[in-house]
Amino acid sequence: MKDIDFLPEWYKNGVRREVSYRTQYMALGGVFLVMVVWSFVATRSIAKARAEFDDMSAMHTQAEKVSAELAVIQNKLKSSKKKVEYTEQIDSRIEVAGVLGEMSFLIEKSIVVNKVELVAEKFPDKKQDKASAGGSAVVRAVRIKVDKNQRLPLGQVRFKVVVGGVAADASDVAALICKLEDSPYFCQVVLSFSRSAEVNVESILSKSGSRPDAGANITVSEFEIHCYLANYLDM
């Protein structure tokens, strides 16, 4: 038995077109949805990247600021180090008051000191053996002696002490030398000279505790002692 199709051809074509349109609409809708999702994701990624870039810019600015501050601190530290080096070079590392106090303690009343000099010297090239470094009179004066034709030695220096005066007897000079050798303040004590001399009593009345007859001459022992301050290590 043969089936007879009573639907007109135009109706069939219309149905086919409608199905085709629906398929195209669905495809376009899918593409549009994908584009919307992709745009959203891309926008979010761009915003995140921009935020990270802004953070990095802020960190870079902060790093530049810290670097500039560090450079200033380093310059100040370098300048301070130079000042410390200069200070160490010009620092004599001696306490004159302490030295005078020690000498006043060691010098007996029978000795009158009329000269005390502290002479700055550079250390010798060769090593020298260091001497053992371990009643009150007043030292009259202290003079820091520097040759006017030479500059004051800077850096590592030692101070030579020159003590001159008169004593009632040569034994007093010997006793003073022994006391200087035993003192922790001094080392390498050497007697430069010791000789007898006559002095007028009136010239030393203000320096001595005794008061002999005015106008008389007495025999004393004139001396000069050289030593060094023991405030360094002779390596």
C-alpha atoms as a PDB file:
ATOM      1  CA  MET A   1       0.000   0.000   0.000  1.00  0.00           C
ATOM      2  CA  LYS A   2       1.517   3.315  -0.948  1.00  0.00           C
ATOM      3  CA  ASP A   3       1.442   6.281   1.544  1.00  0.00           C
ATOM      4  CA  ILE A   4       0.199   9.535   0.163  1.00  0.00           C
ATOM      5  CA  ASP A   5       1.751  12.760   1.592  1.00  0.00           C
ATOM      6  CA  PHE A   6      -0.851  15.482   1.682  1.00  0.00           C
ATOM      7  CA  LEU A   7       1.502  18.194   3.181  1.00  0.00           C
ATOM      8  CA  PRO A   8       2.402  20.857   0.669  1.00  0.00           C
ATOM      9  CA  GLU A   9       6.003  21.445  -0.233  1.00  0.00           C
ATOM     10  CA  TRP A  10       6.033  25.049   1.014  1.00  0.00           C
ATOM     11  CA  TYR A  11       5.038  23.867   4.484  1.00  0.00           C
ATOM     12  CA  LYS A  12       7.926  21.434   4.631  1.00  0.00           C
ATOM     13  CA  ASN A  13      10.389  24.108   3.525  1.00  0.00           C
ATOM     14  CA  GLY A  14       9.110  26.464   6.212  1.00  0.00           C
ATOM     15  CA  VAL A  15       9.629  23.826   8.918  1.00  0.00           C
ATOM     16  CA  ARG A  16      13.162  23.203   7.705  1.00  0.00           C
ATOM     17  CA  ARG A  17      13.946  26.936   7.762  1.00  0.00           C
ATOM     18  CA  GLU A  18      12.526  27.284  11.281  1.00  0.00           C
ATOM     19  CA  VAL A  19      14.714  24.426  12.567  1.00  0.00           C
ATOM     20  CA  SER A  20      17.724  25.946  10.832  1.00  0.00           C
ATOM     21  CA  TYR A  21      17.024  29.358  12.411  1.00  0.00           C
ATOM     22  CA  ARG A  22      16.685  27.835  15.852  1.00  0.00           C
ATOM     23  CA  THR A  23      19.997  26.019  15.447  1.00  0.00           C
ATOM     24  CA  GLN A  24      21.734  29.209  14.365  1.00  0.00           C
ATOM     25  CA  TYR A  25      20.219  31.162  17.282  1.00  0.00           C
ATOM     26  CA  MET A  26      21.442  28.563  19.743  1.00  0.00           C
ATOM     27  CA  ALA A  27      24.930  28.592  18.231  1.00  0.00           C
ATOM     28  CA  LEU A  28      25.056  32.384  18.301  1.00  0.00           C
ATOM     29  CA  GLY A  29      23.814  32.380  21.904  1.00  0.00           C
ATOM     30  CA  GLY A  30      26.537  29.920  22.877  1.00  0.00           C
ATOM     31  CA  VAL A  31      29.184  32.027  21.174  1.00  0.00           C
ATOM     32  CA  PHE A  32      27.853  35.154  22.887  1.00  0.00           C
ATOM     33  CA  LEU A  33      27.871  33.418  26.265  1.00  0.00           C
ATOM     34  CA  VAL A  34      31.457  32.286  25.737  1.00  0.00           C
ATOM     35  CA  MET A  35      32.452  35.848  24.762  1.00  0.00           C
ATOM     36  CA  VAL A  36      30.765  37.249  27.894  1.00  0.00           C
ATOM     37  CA  VAL A  37      32.525  34.752  30.157  1.00  0.00           C
ATOM     38  CA  TRP A  38      35.841  35.372  28.432  1.00  0.00           C
ATOM     39  CA  SER A  39      35.405  39.146  28.721  1.00  0.00           C
ATOM     40  CA  PHE A  40      34.602  38.815  32.433  1.00  0.00           C
ATOM     41  CA  VAL A  41      37.630  36.627  33.051  1.00  0.00           C
ATOM     42  CA  ALA A  42      39.884  38.908  31.003  1.00  0.00           C
ATOM     43  CA  THR A  43      38.614  42.010  32.820  1.00  0.00           C
ATOM     44  CA  ARG A  44      39.201  40.390  36.181  1.00  0.00           C
ATOM     45  CA  SER A  45      42.685  39.292  35.150  1.00  0.00           C
ATOM     46  CA  ILE A  46      43.504  42.792  33.914  1.00  0.00           C
ATOM     47  CA  ALA A  47      42.230  44.326  37.157  1.00  0.00           C
ATOM     48  CA  LYS A  48      44.295  41.867  39.191  1.00  0.00           C
ATOM     49  CA  ALA A  49      47.382  42.546  37.073  1.00  0.00           C
ATOM     50  CA  ARG A  50      46.838  46.294  37.429  1.00  0.00           C
ATOM     51  CA  ALA A  51      46.531  45.958  41.212  1.00  0.00           C
ATOM     52  CA  GLU A  52      49.725  43.904  41.327  1.00  0.00           C
ATOM     53  CA  PHE A  53      51.455  46.493  39.151  1.00  0.00           C
ATOM     54  CA  ASP A  54      50.316  49.270  41.483  1.00  0.00           C
ATOM     55  CA  ASP A  55      51.621  47.295  44.472  1.00  0.00           C
ATOM     56  CA  MET A  56      54.913  46.711  42.712  1.00  0.00           C
ATOM     57  CA  SER A  57      55.149  50.416  41.868  1.00  0.00           C
ATOM     58  CA  ALA A  58      54.557  51.316  45.495  1.00  0.00           C
ATOM     59  CA  MET A  59      57.153  48.765  46.605  1.00  0.00           C
ATOM     60  CA  HIS A  60      59.594  50.110  44.016  1.00  0.00           C
ATOM     61  CA  THR A  61      59.055  53.665  45.269  1.00  0.00           C
ATOM     62  CA  GLN A  62      59.539  52.524  48.865  1.00  0.00           C
ATOM     63  CA  ALA A  63      62.664  50.610  47.860  1.00  0.00           C
ATOM     64  CA  GLU A  64      64.094  53.705  46.164  1.00  0.00           C
ATOM     65  CA  LYS A  65      63.350  55.756  49.301  1.00  0.00           C
ATOM     66  CA  VAL A  66      65.012  53.170  51.544  1.00  0.00           C
ATOM     67  CA  SER A  67      67.981  52.968  49.171  1.00  0.00           C
ATOM     68  CA  ALA A  68      68.394  56.755  49.281  1.00  0.00           C
ATOM     69  CA  GLU A  69      68.210  56.744  53.102  1.00  0.00           C
ATOM     70  CA  LEU A  70      70.746  53.891  53.218  1.00  0.00           C
ATOM     71  CA  ALA A  71      73.100  55.847  50.977  1.00  0.00           C
ATOM     72  CA  VAL A  72      72.821  58.865  53.303  1.00  0.00           C
ATOM     73  CA  ILE A  73      73.493  56.659  56.355  1.00  0.00           C
ATOM     74  CA  GLN A  74      76.485  55.036  54.633  1.00  0.00           C
ATOM     75  CA  ASN A  75      77.910  58.463  53.799  1.00  0.00           C
ATOM     76  CA  LYS A  76      77.450  59.583  57.409  1.00  0.00           C
ATOM     77  CA  LEU A  77      79.044  56.346  58.643  1.00  0.00           C
ATOM     78  CA  LYS A  78      81.983  56.829  56.290  1.00  0.00           C
ATOM     79  CA  SER A  79      82.397  60.409  57.486  1.00  0.00           C
ATOM     80  CA  SER A  80      82.169  59.269  61.123  1.00  0.00           C
ATOM     81  CA  LYS A  81      84.817  56.595  60.506  1.00  0.00           C
ATOM     82  CA  LYS A  82      87.128  59.233  59.052  1.00  0.00           C
ATOM     83  CA  LYS A  83      86.532  61.475  62.070  1.00  0.00           C
ATOM     84  CA  VAL A  84      87.274  58.557  64.389  1.00  0.00           C
ATOM     85  CA  GLU A  85      90.502  57.840  62.505  1.00  0.00           C
ATOM     86  CA  TYR A  86      91.533  61.496  62.700  1.00  0.00           C
ATOM     87  CA  THR A  87      90.637  61.581  66.402  1.00  0.00           C
ATOM     88  CA  GLU A  88      92.707  58.462  67.062  1.00  0.00           C
ATOM     89  CA  GLN A  89      95.631  60.047  65.227  1.00  0.00           C
ATOM     90  CA  ILE A  90      95.564  63.272  67.268  1.00  0.00           C
ATOM     91  CA  ASP A  91      94.605  61.646  70.578  1.00  0.00           C
ATOM     92  CA  SER A  92      97.673  61.678  72.834  1.00  0.00           C
ATOM     93  CA  ARG A  93      96.125  59.001  75.082  1.00  0.00           C
ATOM     94  CA  ILE A  94      97.619  60.570  78.178  1.00  0.00           C
ATOM     95  CA  GLU A  95      96.115  62.117  81.282  1.00  0.00           C
ATOM     96  CA  VAL A  96      98.405  64.954  82.283  1.00  0.00           C
ATOM     97  CA  ALA A  97      96.635  65.386  85.619  1.00  0.00           C
ATOM     98  CA  GLY A  98      97.209  61.715  86.440  1.00  0.00           C
ATOM     99  CA  VAL A  99     100.883  61.917  85.468  1.00  0.00           C
ATOM    100  CA  LEU A 100     101.413  65.032  87.593  1.00  0.00           C
ATOM    101  CA  GLY A 101      99.599  63.435  90.516  1.00  0.00           C
ATOM    102  CA  GLU A 102     101.809  60.350  90.334  1.00  0.00           C
ATOM    103  CA  MET A 103     104.971  62.455  90.146  1.00  0.00           C
ATOM    104  CA  SER A 104     103.839  64.615  93.078  1.00  0.00           C
ATOM    105  CA  PHE A 105     103.309  61.429  95.063  1.00  0.00           C
ATOM    106  CA  LEU A 106     106.760  60.044  94.188  1.00  0.00           C
ATOM    107  CA  ILE A 107     108.830  63.208  94.651  1.00  0.00           C
ATOM    108  CA  GLU A 108     109.955  63.830  98.210  1.00  0.00           C
ATOM    109  CA  LYS A 109     110.154  67.244  99.890  1.00  0.00           C
ATOM    110  CA  SER A 110     113.928  67.187  99.594  1.00  0.00           C
ATOM    111  CA  ILE A 111     113.581  67.472  95.801  1.00  0.00           C
ATOM    112  CA  VAL A 112     112.525  70.578  93.934  1.00  0.00           C
ATOM    113  CA  VAL A 113     111.440  70.037  90.332  1.00  0.00           C
ATOM    114  CA  ASN A 114     111.817  73.012  88.022  1.00  0.00           C
ATOM    115  CA  LYS A 115     111.168  71.319  84.681  1.00  0.00           C
ATOM    116  CA  VAL A 116     108.798  68.664  83.400  1.00  0.00           C
ATOM    117  CA  GLU A 117     108.512  68.114  79.660  1.00  0.00           C
ATOM    118  CA  LEU A 118     106.363  65.657  77.711  1.00  0.00           C
ATOM    119  CA  VAL A 119     107.928  65.089  74.299  1.00  0.00           C
ATOM    120  CA  ALA A 120     105.942  63.188  71.644  1.00  0.00           C
ATOM    121  CA  GLU A 121     108.095  60.700  69.705  1.00  0.00           C
ATOM    122  CA  LYS A 122     107.472  58.183  66.973  1.00  0.00           C
ATOM    123  CA  PHE A 123     108.198  54.603  67.871  1.00  0.00           C
ATOM    124  CA  PRO A 124     111.667  53.388  66.794  1.00  0.00           C
ATOM    125  CA  ASP A 125     111.938  50.922  63.950  1.00  0.00           C
ATOM    126  CA  LYS A 126     113.667  48.263  66.027  1.00  0.00           C
ATOM    127  CA  LYS A 127     112.191  46.836  69.181  1.00  0.00           C
ATOM    128  CA  GLN A 128     113.567  48.065  72.423  1.00  0.00           C
ATOM    129  CA  ASP A 129     113.533  46.260  75.733  1.00  0.00           C
ATOM    130  CA  LYS A 130     111.023  47.801  78.037  1.00  0.00           C
ATOM    131  CA  ALA A 131     112.118  48.600  81.558  1.00  0.00           C
ATOM    132  CA  SER A 132     110.053  47.397  84.467  1.00  0.00           C
ATOM    133  CA  ALA A 133     107.030  49.570  85.032  1.00  0.00           C
ATOM    134  CA  GLY A 134     105.578  48.645  87.906  1.00  0.00           C
ATOM    135  CA  GLY A 135     106.614  62.199 100.934  1.00  0.00           C
ATOM    136  CA  SER A 136     104.957  64.499  98.399  1.00  0.00           C
ATOM    137  CA  ALA A 137     106.155  67.525  96.468  1.00  0.00           C
ATOM    138  CA  VAL A 138     104.380  69.682  93.927  1.00  0.00           C
ATOM    139  CA  VAL A 139     105.545  69.771  90.308  1.00  0.00           C
ATOM    140  CA  ARG A 140     105.952  73.369  89.288  1.00  0.00           C
ATOM    141  CA  ALA A 141     105.146  73.236  85.574  1.00  0.00           C
ATOM    142  CA  VAL A 142     104.536  70.904  82.664  1.00  0.00           C
ATOM    143  CA  ARG A 143     105.355  71.804  79.080  1.00  0.00           C
ATOM    144  CA  ILE A 144     104.370  69.793  76.018  1.00  0.00           C
ATOM    145  CA  LYS A 145     107.492  70.134  73.919  1.00  0.00           C
ATOM    146  CA  VAL A 146     107.297  70.135  70.136  1.00  0.00           C
ATOM    147  CA  ASP A 147     110.023  71.228  67.750  1.00  0.00           C
ATOM    148  CA  LYS A 148     108.827  74.397  66.055  1.00  0.00           C
ATOM    149  CA  ASN A 149     110.336  73.212  62.765  1.00  0.00           C
ATOM    150  CA  GLN A 150     108.485  69.891  62.861  1.00  0.00           C
ATOM    151  CA  ARG A 151     104.871  68.918  63.001  1.00  0.00           C
ATOM    152  CA  LEU A 152     103.459  67.148  66.021  1.00  0.00           C
ATOM    153  CA  PRO A 153     103.761  63.396  65.396  1.00  0.00           C
ATOM    154  CA  LEU A 154     100.368  61.832  64.744  1.00  0.00           C
ATOM    155  CA  GLY A 155      99.151  58.286  65.035  1.00  0.00           C
ATOM    156  CA  GLN A 156     101.015  55.782  67.203  1.00  0.00           C
ATOM    157  CA  VAL A 157     103.350  57.849  69.392  1.00  0.00           C
ATOM    158  CA  ARG A 158     104.893  57.566  72.819  1.00  0.00           C
ATOM    159  CA  PHE A 159     105.705  60.373  75.234  1.00  0.00           C
ATOM    160  CA  LYS A 160     109.133  60.950  76.664  1.00  0.00           C
ATOM    161  CA  VAL A 161     109.152  62.564  80.103  1.00  0.00           C
ATOM    162  CA  VAL A 162     112.022  64.877  80.977  1.00  0.00           C
ATOM    163  CA  VAL A 163     112.236  65.756  84.691  1.00  0.00           C
ATOM    164  CA  GLY A 164     114.786  68.295  85.882  1.00  0.00           C
ATOM    165  CA  GLY A 165     115.434  69.864  89.251  1.00  0.00           C
ATOM    166  CA  VAL A 166     117.627  69.862  92.333  1.00  0.00           C
ATOM    167  CA  ALA A 167     117.833  67.506  95.293  1.00  0.00           C
ATOM    168  CA  ALA A 168     119.390  67.830  98.714  1.00  0.00           C
ATOM    169  CA  ASP A 169     121.621  64.837  98.061  1.00  0.00           C
ATOM    170  CA  ALA A 170     122.490  62.415  95.255  1.00  0.00           C
ATOM    171  CA  SER A 171     120.854  59.613  97.221  1.00  0.00           C
ATOM    172  CA  ASP A 172     117.538  61.440  96.880  1.00  0.00           C
ATOM    173  CA  VAL A 173     117.959  61.363  93.095  1.00  0.00           C
ATOM    174  CA  ALA A 174     118.700  57.637  93.197  1.00  0.00           C
ATOM    175  CA  ALA A 175     115.632  57.054  95.363  1.00  0.00           C
ATOM    176  CA  LEU A 176     113.488  59.015  92.902  1.00  0.00           C
ATOM    177  CA  ILE A 177     114.801  56.886  90.010  1.00  0.00           C
ATOM    178  CA  CYS A 178     113.858  53.715  91.901  1.00  0.00           C
ATOM    179  CA  LYS A 179     110.372  55.059  92.581  1.00  0.00           C
ATOM    180  CA  LEU A 180     109.882  55.986  88.931  1.00  0.00           C
ATOM    181  CA  GLU A 181     110.961  52.497  87.866  1.00  0.00           C
ATOM    182  CA  ASP A 182     108.523  50.911  90.305  1.00  0.00           C
ATOM    183  CA  SER A 183     105.650  53.161  89.249  1.00  0.00           C
ATOM    184  CA  PRO A 184     103.162  51.743  86.692  1.00  0.00           C
ATOM    185  CA  TYR A 185     103.065  55.176  85.040  1.00  0.00           C
ATOM    186  CA  PHE A 186     106.679  55.217  83.803  1.00  0.00           C
ATOM    187  CA  CYS A 187     109.183  52.942  82.101  1.00  0.00           C
ATOM    188  CA  GLN A 188     112.700  53.037  80.649  1.00  0.00           C
ATOM    189  CA  VAL A 189     113.919  55.401  83.370  1.00  0.00           C
ATOM    190  CA  VAL A 190     117.399  56.796  82.634  1.00  0.00           C
ATOM    191  CA  LEU A 191     119.448  59.355  84.548  1.00  0.00           C
ATOM    192  CA  SER A 192     120.588  61.936  81.999  1.00  0.00           C
ATOM    193  CA  PHE A 193     122.987  63.691  84.376  1.00  0.00           C
ATOM    194  CA  SER A 194     123.559  64.398  88.048  1.00  0.00           C
ATOM    195  CA  ARG A 195     126.041  66.989  89.284  1.00  0.00           C
ATOM    196  CA  SER A 196     126.742  69.068  92.329  1.00  0.00           C
ATOM    197  CA  ALA A 197     125.835  72.724  92.253  1.00  0.00           C
ATOM    198  CA  GLU A 198     125.646  75.642  94.640  1.00  0.00           C
ATOM    199  CA  VAL A 199     122.463  77.625  94.894  1.00  0.00           C
ATOM    200  CA  ASN A 200     121.483  80.636  96.930  1.00  0.00           C
ATOM    201  CA  VAL A 201     119.050  79.901  99.733  1.00  0.00           C
ATOM    202  CA  GLU A 202     116.838  82.854  98.915  1.00  0.00           C
ATOM    203  CA  SER A 203     116.188  81.455  95.418  1.00  0.00           C
ATOM    204  CA  ILE A 204     114.716  78.253  96.785  1.00  0.00           C
ATOM    205  CA  LEU A 205     112.948  79.437  99.935  1.00  0.00           C
ATOM    206  CA  SER A 206     109.628  79.345  98.129  1.00  0.00           C
ATOM    207  CA  LYS A 207     110.337  75.845  96.832  1.00  0.00           C
ATOM    208  CA  SER A 208     111.690  74.077  99.910  1.00  0.00           C
ATOM    209  CA  GLY A 209     110.080  73.240 103.229  1.00  0.00           C
ATOM    210  CA  SER A 210     113.243  74.114 105.234  1.00  0.00           C
ATOM    211  CA  ARG A 211     114.351  77.678 105.939  1.00  0.00           C
ATOM    212  CA  PRO A 212     118.121  77.978 106.418  1.00  0.00           C
ATOM    213  CA  ASP A 213     119.902  81.291 106.944  1.00  0.00           C
ATOM    214  CA  ALA A 214     119.092  83.832 104.233  1.00  0.00           C
ATOM    215  CA  GLY A 215     121.947  84.764 101.916  1.00  0.00           C
ATOM    216  CA  ALA A 216     123.805  81.498 102.408  1.00  0.00           C
ATOM    217  CA  ASN A 217     124.770  79.142  99.592  1.00  0.00           C
ATOM    218  CA  ILE A 218     124.149  75.426  99.874  1.00  0.00           C
ATOM    219  CA  THR A 219     125.392  72.503  97.824  1.00  0.00           C
ATOM    220  CA  VAL A 220     122.682  70.512  96.059  1.00  0.00           C
ATOM    221  CA  SER A 221     122.570  67.771  93.460  1.00  0.00           C
ATOM    222  CA  GLU A 222     121.269  69.042  90.134  1.00  0.00           C
ATOM    223  CA  PHE A 223     119.774  66.302  87.954  1.00  0.00           C
ATOM    224  CA  GLU A 224     117.788  65.467  84.873  1.00  0.00           C
ATOM    225  CA  ILE A 225     115.912  62.194  84.377  1.00  0.00           C
ATOM    226  CA  HIS A 226     114.478  60.813  81.137  1.00  0.00           C
ATOM    227  CA  CYS A 227     111.732  58.192  81.020  1.00  0.00           C
ATOM    228  CA  TYR A 228     108.664  57.217  79.013  1.00  0.00           C
ATOM    229  CA  LEU A 229     105.002  57.024  79.876  1.00  0.00           C
ATOM    230  CA  ALA A 230     104.034  53.370  80.181  1.00  0.00           C
ATOM    231  CA  ASN A 231     100.730  53.762  78.351  1.00  0.00           C
ATOM    232  CA  TYR A 232     101.673  51.689  75.289  1.00  0.00           C
ATOM    233  CA  LEU A 233     102.719  48.172  74.375  1.00  0.00           C
ATOM    234  CA  ASP A 234     106.048  47.747  72.608  1.00  0.00           C
ATOM    235  CA  MET A 235     105.114  44.888  70.271  1.00  0.00           C
END
